């Protein structure tokens, strides 16, 4: 989901743009019961996180050891009912 900064309350936008380095740069959003319902990550942390997820996905994909079977049904075959 993407939203425009202009749609955020000024106080929240200020926290995002000027994080407190002693508290941390991520913003945790809790409901009134104290349950975590969302997190705002700064761009560099988000890029790092996504990069690590992609690395793991690539590692898992490369570990698949499926042999090619030229007689296997294609998606078109399956959609046509065999």
Protein backbone atom coordinates (compact mmCIF):
# COMPACT_ATOMS: atom_id res chain seq x y z
CA UNK A 1 0.00 0.00 0.00
CA UNK A 2 1.22 3.48 -0.77
CA UNK A 3 -0.11 6.70 0.67
CA UNK A 4 0.91 10.30 0.16
CA UNK A 5 2.76 12.04 2.99
CA UNK A 6 0.18 14.82 2.78
CA UNK A 7 -2.46 12.32 3.98
CA UNK A 8 -0.64 11.73 7.29
CA UNK A 9 -1.11 13.79 10.45
CA UNK A 10 1.67 16.38 10.89
CA UNK A 11 2.86 14.80 14.15
CA UNK A 12 3.32 11.38 12.55
CA UNK A 13 5.00 12.84 9.48
CA UNK A 14 7.42 14.71 11.73
CA UNK A 15 8.31 11.47 13.56
CA UNK A 16 8.93 9.72 10.25
CA UNK A 17 11.06 12.52 8.80
CA UNK A 18 12.98 13.22 12.04
CA UNK A 19 13.40 9.95 13.93
CA UNK A 20 14.86 10.03 17.45
CA UNK A 21 18.22 8.23 17.16
CA UNK A 22 18.12 7.29 20.86
CA UNK A 23 14.71 5.62 20.59
CA UNK A 24 15.24 4.11 17.13
CA UNK A 25 14.13 4.93 13.65
CA UNK A 26 11.28 2.44 13.28
CA UNK A 27 7.79 3.45 14.37
CA UNK A 28 5.59 0.81 15.98
CA UNK A 29 1.84 1.40 15.84
CA UNK A 30 -0.24 -0.13 18.62
CA UNK A 31 -3.96 -0.26 19.25
CA UNK A 32 -5.40 0.92 22.56
CA UNK A 33 -4.81 -2.54 24.08
CA UNK A 34 -1.09 -2.31 23.35
CA UNK A 35 -1.16 -4.88 20.52
CA UNK A 36 1.11 -4.18 17.59
CA UNK A 37 -0.96 -3.45 14.47
CA UNK A 38 1.63 -1.89 12.17
CA UNK A 39 5.23 -0.82 11.70
CA UNK A 40 6.77 2.00 9.72
CA UNK A 41 10.33 1.22 8.61
CA UNK A 42 12.74 3.83 7.33
CA UNK A 43 13.71 3.38 3.65
CA UNK A 44 17.22 1.96 4.23
CA UNK A 45 15.94 -0.56 6.78
CA UNK A 46 13.13 -1.55 4.40
CA UNK A 47 15.59 -2.03 1.50
CA UNK A 48 17.81 -4.17 3.74
CA UNK A 49 14.86 -6.28 4.89
CA UNK A 50 13.57 -6.82 1.34
CA UNK A 51 17.08 -7.70 0.18
CA UNK A 52 17.41 -10.37 2.88
CA UNK A 53 14.01 -11.84 1.98
CA UNK A 54 15.00 -11.98 -1.71
CA UNK A 55 18.31 -13.65 -0.81
CA UNK A 56 16.45 -16.35 1.13
CA UNK A 57 13.92 -16.83 -1.67
CA UNK A 58 16.74 -17.23 -4.20
CA UNK A 59 18.46 -19.73 -1.90
CA UNK A 60 15.27 -21.78 -1.59
CA UNK A 61 14.58 -21.60 -5.33
CA UNK A 62 18.09 -22.80 -6.18
CA UNK A 63 17.79 -25.73 -3.77
CA UNK A 64 14.82 -27.17 -5.68
CA UNK A 65 15.94 -30.24 -7.52
CA UNK A 66 13.11 -31.03 -9.90
CA UNK A 67 13.86 -32.91 -13.06
CA UNK A 68 12.29 -31.83 -16.33
CA UNK A 69 9.67 -34.21 -17.72
CA UNK A 70 8.75 -33.40 -21.31
CA UNK A 71 5.55 -35.44 -20.92
CA UNK A 72 4.24 -33.33 -18.04
CA UNK A 73 0.99 -31.51 -18.61
CA UNK A 74 1.20 -27.81 -19.35
CA UNK A 75 -1.04 -25.19 -17.77
CA UNK A 76 -3.00 -25.06 -21.04
CA UNK A 77 -3.51 -28.86 -20.86
CA UNK A 78 -4.79 -28.58 -17.33
CA UNK A 79 -7.14 -25.72 -18.21
CA UNK A 80 -8.54 -27.75 -21.12
CA UNK A 81 -9.19 -30.69 -18.82
CA UNK A 82 -6.35 -32.95 -19.77
